[in-house]
Amino acid sequence: MPKLKTRKSAAKRFKKTGSGKIVRRKAFKNHLLEHKSTKRKRDLSHKAVISETDQERVELMMPYL
């Protein structure tokens, strides 16, 4: 049986927590930040847990996560 390859684009975007959840970075914090409030930018800085519907797809992209 050949080794399974990890999708590198997914490996750069997702991490697994100690409890087994997969976390991602939030969108809309790259540019055009002047008009966004400080509170909004601060909230976008936190990690978010991916939805249950995406969990299986991400695990297939990263078999050795």
N, C-alpha and C. Protein backbone atom coordinates (compact mmCIF):
# COMPACT_ATOMS: atom_id res chain seq x y z
N MET A 1 0.85 -1.19 0.00
CA MET A 1 0.00 0.00 0.00
C MET A 1 0.89 1.25 0.00
N PRO A 2 0.72 2.15 -0.96
CA PRO A 2 1.57 3.35 -0.99
C PRO A 2 1.18 4.32 0.12
N LYS A 3 2.14 5.19 0.44
CA LYS A 3 1.87 6.21 1.44
C LYS A 3 0.87 7.22 0.87
N LEU A 4 0.06 7.79 1.75
CA LEU A 4 -0.90 8.82 1.35
C LEU A 4 -0.22 10.18 1.42
N LYS A 5 -0.53 11.04 0.47
CA LYS A 5 0.06 12.37 0.45
C LYS A 5 -0.85 13.37 1.14
N THR A 6 -0.23 14.27 1.88
CA THR A 6 -0.94 15.37 2.51
C THR A 6 -1.09 16.50 1.50
N ARG A 7 -2.26 17.12 1.47
CA ARG A 7 -2.43 18.30 0.63
C ARG A 7 -1.78 19.48 1.35
N LYS A 8 -0.71 19.99 0.76
CA LYS A 8 0.08 21.00 1.44
C LYS A 8 -0.68 22.30 1.68
N SER A 9 -1.61 22.62 0.79
CA SER A 9 -2.40 23.84 1.00
C SER A 9 -3.24 23.72 2.26
N ALA A 10 -3.76 22.52 2.53
CA ALA A 10 -4.56 22.31 3.74
C ALA A 10 -3.67 22.29 4.98
N ALA A 11 -2.48 21.72 4.85
CA ALA A 11 -1.58 21.63 6.00
C ALA A 11 -1.16 23.02 6.49
N LYS A 12 -1.10 23.99 5.57
CA LYS A 12 -0.73 25.35 5.96
C LYS A 12 -1.89 26.10 6.60
N ARG A 13 -3.10 25.66 6.37
CA ARG A 13 -4.28 26.39 6.85
C ARG A 13 -4.88 25.85 8.14
N PHE A 14 -4.71 24.58 8.42
CA PHE A 14 -5.40 23.95 9.55
C PHE A 14 -4.42 23.32 10.52
N LYS A 15 -4.80 23.34 11.81
CA LYS A 15 -4.03 22.68 12.87
C LYS A 15 -5.01 21.89 13.73
N LYS A 16 -4.50 20.86 14.39
CA LYS A 16 -5.33 20.06 15.28
C LYS A 16 -5.02 20.43 16.72
N THR A 17 -6.07 20.57 17.53
CA THR A 17 -5.88 20.90 18.93
C THR A 17 -5.62 19.61 19.72
N GLY A 18 -5.31 19.76 20.97
CA GLY A 18 -5.06 18.61 21.83
C GLY A 18 -6.28 17.72 21.97
N SER A 19 -7.47 18.31 21.91
CA SER A 19 -8.70 17.53 22.06
C SER A 19 -9.18 16.93 20.74
N GLY A 20 -8.45 17.21 19.64
CA GLY A 20 -8.80 16.61 18.36
C GLY A 20 -9.61 17.47 17.43
N LYS A 21 -9.94 18.69 17.86
CA LYS A 21 -10.68 19.59 16.98
C LYS A 21 -9.71 20.21 15.97
N ILE A 22 -10.24 20.64 14.83
CA ILE A 22 -9.41 21.29 13.82
C ILE A 22 -9.74 22.77 13.82
N VAL A 23 -8.70 23.60 13.91
CA VAL A 23 -8.90 25.04 13.96
C VAL A 23 -8.38 25.70 12.69
N ARG A 24 -8.95 26.85 12.40
CA ARG A 24 -8.59 27.61 11.20
C ARG A 24 -8.44 29.07 11.58
N ARG A 25 -7.87 29.84 10.66
CA ARG A 25 -7.74 31.27 10.82
C ARG A 25 -9.00 31.93 10.25
N LYS A 26 -9.39 33.05 10.79
CA LYS A 26 -10.57 33.75 10.28
C LYS A 26 -10.22 34.60 9.06
N ALA A 27 -11.20 34.82 8.21
CA ALA A 27 -11.01 35.60 6.98
C ALA A 27 -11.16 37.09 7.27
N PHE A 28 -10.81 37.91 6.28
CA PHE A 28 -11.00 39.37 6.28
C PHE A 28 -10.05 40.12 7.21
N LYS A 29 -8.86 39.61 7.45
CA LYS A 29 -7.90 40.33 8.28
C LYS A 29 -6.59 40.55 7.53
N ASN A 30 -6.62 40.58 6.20
CA ASN A 30 -5.39 40.75 5.44
C ASN A 30 -5.12 42.20 5.05
N HIS A 31 -6.10 42.87 4.52
CA HIS A 31 -5.90 44.23 4.03
C HIS A 31 -7.22 44.97 4.15
N LEU A 32 -7.22 46.25 3.76
CA LEU A 32 -8.39 47.12 3.91
C LEU A 32 -8.85 47.17 5.36
N LEU A 33 -7.89 47.38 6.26
CA LEU A 33 -8.19 47.32 7.69
C LEU A 33 -8.53 48.68 8.30
N GLU A 34 -8.34 49.75 7.52
CA GLU A 34 -8.55 51.08 8.09
C GLU A 34 -9.99 51.32 8.53
N HIS A 35 -10.94 50.86 7.75
CA HIS A 35 -12.34 51.15 8.08
C HIS A 35 -12.95 50.14 9.03
N LYS A 36 -12.23 49.07 9.35
CA LYS A 36 -12.75 48.07 10.29
C LYS A 36 -12.43 48.51 11.71
N SER A 37 -13.37 48.25 12.61
CA SER A 37 -13.18 48.69 13.99
C SER A 37 -12.11 47.84 14.67
N THR A 38 -11.55 48.40 15.73
CA THR A 38 -10.52 47.69 16.49
C THR A 38 -11.09 46.41 17.08
N LYS A 39 -12.32 46.47 17.55
CA LYS A 39 -12.97 45.28 18.13
C LYS A 39 -13.12 44.18 17.09
N ARG A 40 -13.53 44.57 15.90
CA ARG A 40 -13.72 43.59 14.83
C ARG A 40 -12.39 42.94 14.44
N LYS A 41 -11.35 43.75 14.32
CA LYS A 41 -10.03 43.22 13.97
C LYS A 41 -9.50 42.31 15.07
N ARG A 42 -9.75 42.69 16.32
CA ARG A 42 -9.30 41.87 17.44
C ARG A 42 -10.03 40.52 17.44
N ASP A 43 -11.32 40.53 17.16
CA ASP A 43 -12.09 39.28 17.11
C ASP A 43 -11.66 38.40 15.94
N LEU A 44 -11.23 39.01 14.84
CA LEU A 44 -10.77 38.24 13.69
C LEU A 44 -9.41 37.61 13.94
N SER A 45 -8.69 38.08 14.97
CA SER A 45 -7.37 37.54 15.26
C SER A 45 -7.42 36.17 15.92
N HIS A 46 -8.55 35.83 16.52
CA HIS A 46 -8.67 34.55 17.22
C HIS A 46 -8.90 33.41 16.24
N LYS A 47 -8.51 32.23 16.63
CA LYS A 47 -8.74 31.04 15.81
C LYS A 47 -10.19 30.61 15.93
N ALA A 48 -10.68 29.88 14.92
CA ALA A 48 -12.05 29.37 14.94
C ALA A 48 -12.02 27.87 14.67
N VAL A 49 -12.93 27.15 15.30
CA VAL A 49 -13.05 25.71 15.07
C VAL A 49 -13.84 25.51 13.78
N ILE A 50 -13.39 24.60 12.92
CA ILE A 50 -14.12 24.38 11.67
C ILE A 50 -15.44 23.68 11.94
N SER A 51 -16.38 23.82 11.03
CA SER A 51 -17.69 23.22 11.21
C SER A 51 -17.62 21.70 11.08
N GLU A 52 -18.58 21.02 11.67
CA GLU A 52 -18.60 19.55 11.64
C GLU A 52 -18.71 19.02 10.22
N THR A 53 -19.37 19.78 9.34
CA THR A 53 -19.53 19.32 7.96
C THR A 53 -18.21 19.33 7.21
N ASP A 54 -17.29 20.23 7.59
CA ASP A 54 -15.98 20.30 6.94
C ASP A 54 -14.94 19.40 7.59
N GLN A 55 -15.21 18.93 8.79
CA GLN A 55 -14.23 18.15 9.54
C GLN A 55 -13.76 16.93 8.75
N GLU A 56 -14.68 16.17 8.20
CA GLU A 56 -14.32 14.95 7.48
C GLU A 56 -13.50 15.26 6.23
N ARG A 57 -13.88 16.34 5.52
CA ARG A 57 -13.15 16.72 4.31
C ARG A 57 -11.70 17.11 4.61
N VAL A 58 -11.51 17.87 5.69
CA VAL A 58 -10.16 18.30 6.05
C VAL A 58 -9.32 17.10 6.50
N GLU A 59 -9.92 16.18 7.22
CA GLU A 59 -9.19 15.00 7.67
C GLU A 59 -8.76 14.13 6.48
N LEU A 60 -9.56 14.09 5.44
CA LEU A 60 -9.16 13.35 4.23
C LEU A 60 -8.01 14.03 3.51
N MET A 61 -7.95 15.36 3.57
CA MET A 61 -6.87 16.08 2.91
C MET A 61 -5.55 15.93 3.67
N MET A 62 -5.66 15.67 5.00
CA MET A 62 -4.45 15.54 5.81
C MET A 62 -4.53 14.23 6.60
N PRO A 63 -4.16 13.11 5.96
CA PRO A 63 -4.34 11.81 6.62
C PRO A 63 -3.49 11.58 7.85
N TYR A 64 -2.39 12.32 8.01
CA TYR A 64 -1.51 12.10 9.16
C TYR A 64 -1.58 13.22 10.17
N LEU A 65 -2.69 13.94 10.18
CA LEU A 65 -2.88 15.07 11.08
C LEU A 65 -2.96 14.61 12.51
